[in-house]
Amino acid sequence: MKTLRDVGIGESARVVKVHGQGSIRRRVMDMGITKNVEIFVRKVAPLGDPIEVNLRGYELSLRKDDAEIIEVL
């Protein structure tokens, strides 16, 4: 299974599924990360946390833990 955390800088990926439970999953989905959304990884902080992505016309920063529950293709 490939997650958003595995996507390299300058690469795009399509969301297959958002894993996780309860409020964490709901928070990620409320940010616009839902099935079939195209996500472009703009940059990653030097220590790998956070990850800056573009999706649905806006920029978003995600923690590594949140990126790990987003399965991509």
PDB file of N, CA and C in Angstrom:
ATOM      1  N   MET A   1       0.849  -1.184   0.000  1.00  0.00           N
ATOM      2  CA  MET A   1       0.000   0.000   0.000  1.00  0.00           C
ATOM      3  C   MET A   1       0.895   1.249   0.000  1.00  0.00           C
ATOM      4  N   LYS A   2       0.655   2.145  -0.928  1.00  0.00           N
ATOM      5  CA  LYS A   2       1.406   3.397  -1.021  1.00  0.00           C
ATOM      6  C   LYS A   2       0.589   4.508  -0.371  1.00  0.00           C
ATOM      7  N   THR A   3       1.242   5.292   0.489  1.00  0.00           N
ATOM      8  CA  THR A   3       0.554   6.389   1.163  1.00  0.00           C
ATOM      9  C   THR A   3       1.078   7.726   0.650  1.00  0.00           C
ATOM     10  N   LEU A   4       0.411   8.787   1.019  1.00  0.00           N
ATOM     11  CA  LEU A   4       0.827  10.133   0.616  1.00  0.00           C
ATOM     12  C   LEU A   4       2.228  10.443   1.128  1.00  0.00           C
ATOM     13  N   ARG A   5       2.601   9.871   2.239  1.00  0.00           N
ATOM     14  CA  ARG A   5       3.946  10.089   2.793  1.00  0.00           C
ATOM     15  C   ARG A   5       5.035   9.542   1.854  1.00  0.00           C
ATOM     16  N   ASP A   6       4.716   8.542   1.051  1.00  0.00           N
ATOM     17  CA  ASP A   6       5.676   7.921   0.140  1.00  0.00           C
ATOM     18  C   ASP A   6       5.853   8.673  -1.175  1.00  0.00           C
ATOM     19  N   VAL A   7       4.989   9.634  -1.455  1.00  0.00           N
ATOM     20  CA  VAL A   7       5.037  10.387  -2.712  1.00  0.00           C
ATOM     21  C   VAL A   7       6.171  11.407  -2.624  1.00  0.00           C
ATOM     22  N   GLY A   8       6.988  11.470  -3.667  1.00  0.00           N
ATOM     23  CA  GLY A   8       8.135  12.371  -3.682  1.00  0.00           C
ATOM     24  C   GLY A   8       7.763  13.806  -4.027  1.00  0.00           C
ATOM     25  N   ILE A   9       8.692  14.704  -3.772  1.00  0.00           N
ATOM     26  CA  ILE A   9       8.500  16.114  -4.089  1.00  0.00           C
ATOM     27  C   ILE A   9       8.365  16.271  -5.604  1.00  0.00           C
ATOM     28  N   GLY A  10       7.380  17.050  -6.035  1.00  0.00           N
ATOM     29  CA  GLY A  10       7.152  17.278  -7.452  1.00  0.00           C
ATOM     30  C   GLY A  10       6.320  16.203  -8.119  1.00  0.00           C
ATOM     31  N   GLU A  11       5.845  15.231  -7.375  1.00  0.00           N
ATOM     32  CA  GLU A  11       5.023  14.158  -7.927  1.00  0.00           C
ATOM     33  C   GLU A  11       3.558  14.358  -7.549  1.00  0.00           C
ATOM     34  N   SER A  12       2.696  13.779  -8.347  1.00  0.00           N
ATOM     35  CA  SER A  12       1.262  13.818  -8.073  1.00  0.00           C
ATOM     36  C   SER A  12       0.770  12.413  -7.772  1.00  0.00           C
ATOM     37  N   ALA A  13      -0.326  12.342  -7.047  1.00  0.00           N
ATOM     38  CA  ALA A  13      -0.938  11.057  -6.731  1.00  0.00           C
ATOM     39  C   ALA A  13      -2.443  11.251  -6.610  1.00  0.00           C
ATOM     40  N   ARG A  14      -3.180  10.179  -6.838  1.00  0.00           N
ATOM     41  CA  ARG A  14      -4.639  10.206  -6.717  1.00  0.00           C
ATOM     42  C   ARG A  14      -5.028   9.423  -5.469  1.00  0.00           C
ATOM     43  N   VAL A  15      -5.919   9.997  -4.673  1.00  0.00           N
ATOM     44  CA  VAL A  15      -6.353   9.360  -3.430  1.00  0.00           C
ATOM     45  C   VAL A  15      -7.229   8.152  -3.745  1.00  0.00           C
ATOM     46  N   VAL A  16      -6.877   7.023  -3.143  1.00  0.00           N
ATOM     47  CA  VAL A  16      -7.659   5.797  -3.296  1.00  0.00           C
ATOM     48  C   VAL A  16      -8.621   5.646  -2.118  1.00  0.00           C
ATOM     49  N   LYS A  17      -8.095   5.888  -0.895  1.00  0.00           N
ATOM     50  CA  LYS A  17      -8.914   5.728   0.304  1.00  0.00           C
ATOM     51  C   LYS A  17      -8.284   6.485   1.457  1.00  0.00           C
ATOM     52  N   VAL A  18      -9.126   6.990   2.336  1.00  0.00           N
ATOM     53  CA  VAL A  18      -8.652   7.614   3.568  1.00  0.00           C
ATOM     54  C   VAL A  18      -8.913   6.626   4.695  1.00  0.00           C
ATOM     55  N   HIS A  19      -7.842   6.114   5.294  1.00  0.00           N
ATOM     56  CA  HIS A  19      -7.958   5.163   6.400  1.00  0.00           C
ATOM     57  C   HIS A  19      -8.105   5.947   7.706  1.00  0.00           C
ATOM     58  N   GLY A  20      -8.039   5.271   8.807  1.00  0.00           N
ATOM     59  CA  GLY A  20      -8.155   5.942  10.098  1.00  0.00           C
ATOM     60  C   GLY A  20      -9.565   5.853  10.628  1.00  0.00           C
ATOM     61  N   GLN A  21      -9.749   6.412  11.819  1.00  0.00           N
ATOM     62  CA  GLN A  21     -11.046   6.310  12.467  1.00  0.00           C
ATOM     63  C   GLN A  21     -11.444   7.635  13.100  1.00  0.00           C
ATOM     64  N   GLY A  22     -12.731   7.790  13.253  1.00  0.00           N
ATOM     65  CA  GLY A  22     -13.278   8.898  14.022  1.00  0.00           C
ATOM     66  C   GLY A  22     -12.885  10.281  13.556  1.00  0.00           C
ATOM     67  N   SER A  23     -12.499  11.102  14.540  1.00  0.00           N
ATOM     68  CA  SER A  23     -12.263  12.524  14.278  1.00  0.00           C
ATOM     69  C   SER A  23     -11.058  12.774  13.375  1.00  0.00           C
ATOM     70  N   ILE A  24     -10.052  11.918  13.420  1.00  0.00           N
ATOM     71  CA  ILE A  24      -8.874  12.109  12.556  1.00  0.00           C
ATOM     72  C   ILE A  24      -9.276  11.945  11.098  1.00  0.00           C
ATOM     73  N   ARG A  25      -9.998  10.886  10.789  1.00  0.00           N
ATOM     74  CA  ARG A  25     -10.449  10.640   9.417  1.00  0.00           C
ATOM     75  C   ARG A  25     -11.368  11.771   8.959  1.00  0.00           C
ATOM     76  N   ARG A  26     -12.282  12.182   9.796  1.00  0.00           N
ATOM     77  CA  ARG A  26     -13.226  13.250   9.460  1.00  0.00           C
ATOM     78  C   ARG A  26     -12.499  14.553   9.194  1.00  0.00           C
ATOM     79  N   ARG A  27     -11.478  14.873  10.000  1.00  0.00           N
ATOM     80  CA  ARG A  27     -10.716  16.112   9.827  1.00  0.00           C
ATOM     81  C   ARG A  27     -10.004  16.121   8.479  1.00  0.00           C
ATOM     82  N   VAL A  28      -9.378  14.995   8.128  1.00  0.00           N
ATOM     83  CA  VAL A  28      -8.679  14.896   6.841  1.00  0.00           C
ATOM     84  C   VAL A  28      -9.671  15.057   5.688  1.00  0.00           C
ATOM     85  N   MET A  29     -10.814  14.423   5.785  1.00  0.00           N
ATOM     86  CA  MET A  29     -11.814  14.537   4.721  1.00  0.00           C
ATOM     87  C   MET A  29     -12.403  15.943   4.653  1.00  0.00           C
ATOM     88  N   ASP A  30     -12.550  16.612   5.782  1.00  0.00           N
ATOM     89  CA  ASP A  30     -13.052  17.992   5.795  1.00  0.00           C
ATOM     90  C   ASP A  30     -12.076  18.957   5.119  1.00  0.00           C
ATOM     91  N   MET A  31     -10.789  18.603   5.070  1.00  0.00           N
ATOM     92  CA  MET A  31      -9.791  19.435   4.390  1.00  0.00           C
ATOM     93  C   MET A  31      -9.841  19.245   2.879  1.00  0.00           C
ATOM     94  N   GLY A  32     -10.731  18.372   2.394  1.00  0.00           N
ATOM     95  CA  GLY A  32     -10.887  18.176   0.958  1.00  0.00           C
ATOM     96  C   GLY A  32     -10.196  16.947   0.416  1.00  0.00           C
ATOM     97  N   ILE A  33      -9.604  16.157   1.292  1.00  0.00           N
ATOM     98  CA  ILE A  33      -8.903  14.949   0.850  1.00  0.00           C
ATOM     99  C   ILE A  33      -9.899  13.797   0.855  1.00  0.00           C
ATOM    100  N   THR A  34     -10.467  13.544  -0.320  1.00  0.00           N
ATOM    101  CA  THR A  34     -11.458  12.488  -0.486  1.00  0.00           C
ATOM    102  C   THR A  34     -11.051  11.605  -1.660  1.00  0.00           C
ATOM    103  N   LYS A  35     -11.763  10.521  -1.857  1.00  0.00           N
ATOM    104  CA  LYS A  35     -11.459   9.570  -2.917  1.00  0.00           C
ATOM    105  C   LYS A  35     -11.408  10.261  -4.281  1.00  0.00           C
ATOM    106  N   ASN A  36     -10.433   9.884  -5.094  1.00  0.00           N
ATOM    107  CA  ASN A  36     -10.210  10.350  -6.469  1.00  0.00           C
ATOM    108  C   ASN A  36      -9.693  11.772  -6.598  1.00  0.00           C
ATOM    109  N   VAL A  37      -9.307  12.416  -5.514  1.00  0.00           N
ATOM    110  CA  VAL A  37      -8.738  13.764  -5.585  1.00  0.00           C
ATOM    111  C   VAL A  37      -7.259  13.662  -5.964  1.00  0.00           C
ATOM    112  N   GLU A  38      -6.838  14.513  -6.883  1.00  0.00           N
ATOM    113  CA  GLU A  38      -5.439  14.581  -7.309  1.00  0.00           C
ATOM    114  C   GLU A  38      -4.679  15.488  -6.350  1.00  0.00           C
ATOM    115  N   ILE A  39      -3.554  14.990  -5.804  1.00  0.00           N
ATOM    116  CA  ILE A  39      -2.739  15.748  -4.859  1.00  0.00           C
ATOM    117  C   ILE A  39      -1.328  15.882  -5.416  1.00  0.00           C
ATOM    118  N   PHE A  40      -0.801  17.094  -5.420  1.00  0.00           N
ATOM    119  CA  PHE A  40       0.557  17.384  -5.865  1.00  0.00           C
ATOM    120  C   PHE A  40       1.400  17.748  -4.646  1.00  0.00           C
ATOM    121  N   VAL A  41       2.519  17.046  -4.458  1.00  0.00           N
ATOM    122  CA  VAL A  41       3.405  17.318  -3.319  1.00  0.00           C
ATOM    123  C   VAL A  41       4.366  18.431  -3.716  1.00  0.00           C
ATOM    124  N   ARG A  42       4.231  19.619  -3.087  1.00  0.00           N
ATOM    125  CA  ARG A  42       5.075  20.774  -3.391  1.00  0.00           C
ATOM    126  C   ARG A  42       6.422  20.691  -2.714  1.00  0.00           C
ATOM    127  N   LYS A  43       6.419  20.453  -1.401  1.00  0.00           N
ATOM    128  CA  LYS A  43       7.685  20.361  -0.676  1.00  0.00           C
ATOM    129  C   LYS A  43       7.487  19.632   0.642  1.00  0.00           C
ATOM    130  N   VAL A  44       8.620  19.212   1.185  1.00  0.00           N
ATOM    131  CA  VAL A  44       8.630  18.502   2.463  1.00  0.00           C
ATOM    132  C   VAL A  44       9.660  19.190   3.341  1.00  0.00           C
ATOM    133  N   ALA A  45       9.318  19.407   4.596  1.00  0.00           N
ATOM    134  CA  ALA A  45      10.248  20.039   5.532  1.00  0.00           C
ATOM    135  C   ALA A  45      11.499  19.177   5.689  1.00  0.00           C
ATOM    136  N   PRO A  46      12.614  19.771   6.082  1.00  0.00           N
ATOM    137  CA  PRO A  46      13.878  19.027   6.191  1.00  0.00           C
ATOM    138  C   PRO A  46      13.799  17.742   7.020  1.00  0.00           C
ATOM    139  N   LEU A  47      13.030  17.750   8.068  1.00  0.00           N
ATOM    140  CA  LEU A  47      12.903  16.543   8.885  1.00  0.00           C
ATOM    141  C   LEU A  47      11.689  15.694   8.483  1.00  0.00           C
ATOM    142  N   GLY A  48      11.052  16.059   7.374  1.00  0.00           N
ATOM    143  CA  GLY A  48       9.946  15.279   6.841  1.00  0.00           C
ATOM    144  C   GLY A  48       8.576  15.632   7.391  1.00  0.00           C
ATOM    145  N   ASP A  49       8.500  16.613   8.246  1.00  0.00           N
ATOM    146  CA  ASP A  49       7.220  16.970   8.844  1.00  0.00           C
ATOM    147  C   ASP A  49       7.128  18.480   8.990  1.00  0.00           C
ATOM    148  N   PRO A  50       6.220  19.168   8.386  1.00  0.00           N
ATOM    149  CA  PRO A  50       5.063  18.726   7.618  1.00  0.00           C
ATOM    150  C   PRO A  50       5.358  18.577   6.119  1.00  0.00           C
ATOM    151  N   ILE A  51       4.328  18.133   5.417  1.00  0.00           N
ATOM    152  CA  ILE A  51       4.360  17.978   3.964  1.00  0.00           C
ATOM    153  C   ILE A  51       3.423  19.029   3.389  1.00  0.00           C
ATOM    154  N   GLU A  52       3.887  19.795   2.404  1.00  0.00           N
ATOM    155  CA  GLU A  52       3.033  20.811   1.780  1.00  0.00           C
ATOM    156  C   GLU A  52       2.521  20.274   0.450  1.00  0.00           C
ATOM    157  N   VAL A  53       1.203  20.283   0.279  1.00  0.00           N
ATOM    158  CA  VAL A  53       0.581  19.745  -0.923  1.00  0.00           C
ATOM    159  C   VAL A  53      -0.379  20.762  -1.541  1.00  0.00           C
ATOM    160  N   ASN A  54      -0.660  20.570  -2.822  1.00  0.00           N
ATOM    161  CA  ASN A  54      -1.691  21.341  -3.524  1.00  0.00           C
ATOM    162  C   ASN A  54      -2.806  20.379  -3.901  1.00  0.00           C
ATOM    163  N   LEU A  55      -4.046  20.791  -3.629  1.00  0.00           N
ATOM    164  CA  LEU A  55      -5.199  20.023  -4.049  1.00  0.00           C
ATOM    165  C   LEU A  55      -6.397  20.945  -4.140  1.00  0.00           C
ATOM    166  N   ARG A  56      -7.267  20.671  -5.079  1.00  0.00           N
ATOM    167  CA  ARG A  56      -8.495  21.454  -5.266  1.00  0.00           C
ATOM    168  C   ARG A  56      -8.242  22.962  -5.332  1.00  0.00           C
ATOM    169  N   GLY A  57      -7.081  23.372  -5.839  1.00  0.00           N
ATOM    170  CA  GLY A  57      -6.789  24.782  -6.025  1.00  0.00           C
ATOM    171  C   GLY A  57      -6.268  25.513  -4.797  1.00  0.00           C
ATOM    172  N   TYR A  58      -5.894  24.807  -3.749  1.00  0.00           N
ATOM    173  CA  TYR A  58      -5.315  25.472  -2.582  1.00  0.00           C
ATOM    174  C   TYR A  58      -4.151  24.667  -2.020  1.00  0.00           C
ATOM    175  N   GLU A  59      -3.361  25.318  -1.164  1.00  0.00           N
ATOM    176  CA  GLU A  59      -2.209  24.678  -0.545  1.00  0.00           C
ATOM    177  C   GLU A  59      -2.575  24.222   0.860  1.00  0.00           C
ATOM    178  N   LEU A  60      -1.997  23.103   1.258  1.00  0.00           N
ATOM    179  CA  LEU A  60      -2.309  22.509   2.551  1.00  0.00           C
ATOM    180  C   LEU A  60      -1.051  21.880   3.126  1.00  0.00           C
ATOM    181  N   SER A  61      -0.836  22.038   4.405  1.00  0.00           N
ATOM    182  CA  SER A  61       0.279  21.382   5.089  1.00  0.00           C
ATOM    183  C   SER A  61      -0.283  20.267   5.956  1.00  0.00           C
ATOM    184  N   LEU A  62       0.325  19.086   5.820  1.00  0.00           N
ATOM    185  CA  LEU A  62      -0.118  17.910   6.561  1.00  0.00           C
ATOM    186  C   LEU A  62       1.005  17.344   7.405  1.00  0.00           C
ATOM    187  N   ARG A  63       0.664  16.828   8.558  1.00  0.00           N
ATOM    188  CA  ARG A  63       1.647  16.119   9.371  1.00  0.00           C
ATOM    189  C   ARG A  63       1.906  14.745   8.762  1.00  0.00           C
ATOM    190  N   LYS A  64       3.066  14.162   9.084  1.00  0.00           N
ATOM    191  CA  LYS A  64       3.399  12.828   8.586  1.00  0.00           C
ATOM    192  C   LYS A  64       2.351  11.806   9.002  1.00  0.00           C
ATOM    193  N   ASP A  65       1.882  11.911  10.227  1.00  0.00           N
ATOM    194  CA  ASP A  65       0.889  10.954  10.724  1.00  0.00           C
ATOM    195  C   ASP A  65      -0.398  11.011   9.908  1.00  0.00           C
ATOM    196  N   ASP A  66      -0.804  12.219   9.516  1.00  0.00           N
ATOM    197  CA  ASP A  66      -2.006  12.361   8.690  1.00  0.00           C
ATOM    198  C   ASP A  66      -1.759  11.828   7.278  1.00  0.00           C
ATOM    199  N   ALA A  67      -0.566  12.083   6.735  1.00  0.00           N
ATOM    200  CA  ALA A  67      -0.235  11.607   5.389  1.00  0.00           C
ATOM    201  C   ALA A  67      -0.203  10.085   5.308  1.00  0.00           C
ATOM    202  N   GLU A  68       0.110   9.427   6.417  1.00  0.00           N
ATOM    203  CA  GLU A  68       0.195   7.969   6.426  1.00  0.00           C
ATOM    204  C   GLU A  68      -1.160   7.283   6.329  1.00  0.00           C
ATOM    205  N   ILE A  69      -2.239   7.965   6.663  1.00  0.00           N
ATOM    206  CA  ILE A  69      -3.556   7.331   6.588  1.00  0.00           C
ATOM    207  C   ILE A  69      -4.224   7.566   5.234  1.00  0.00           C
ATOM    208  N   ILE A  70      -3.528   8.280   4.320  1.00  0.00           N
ATOM    209  CA  ILE A  70      -4.087   8.567   2.990  1.00  0.00           C
ATOM    210  C   ILE A  70      -3.452   7.627   1.978  1.00  0.00           C
ATOM    211  N   GLU A  71      -4.212   6.650   1.518  1.00  0.00           N
ATOM    212  CA  GLU A  71      -3.732   5.701   0.528  1.00  0.00           C
ATOM    213  C   GLU A  71      -3.858   6.324  -0.859  1.00  0.00           C
ATOM    214  N   VAL A  72      -2.768   6.262  -1.634  1.00  0.00           N
ATOM    215  CA  VAL A  72      -2.752   6.878  -2.968  1.00  0.00           C
ATOM    216  C   VAL A  72      -2.342   5.863  -4.020  1.00  0.00           C
ATOM    217  N   LEU A  73      -2.556   6.245  -5.257  1.00  0.00           N
ATOM    218  CA  LEU A  73      -2.212   5.420  -6.409  1.00  0.00           C
ATOM    219  C   LEU A  73      -1.230   6.157  -7.273  1.00  0.00           C
TER     220      LEU A  73
END
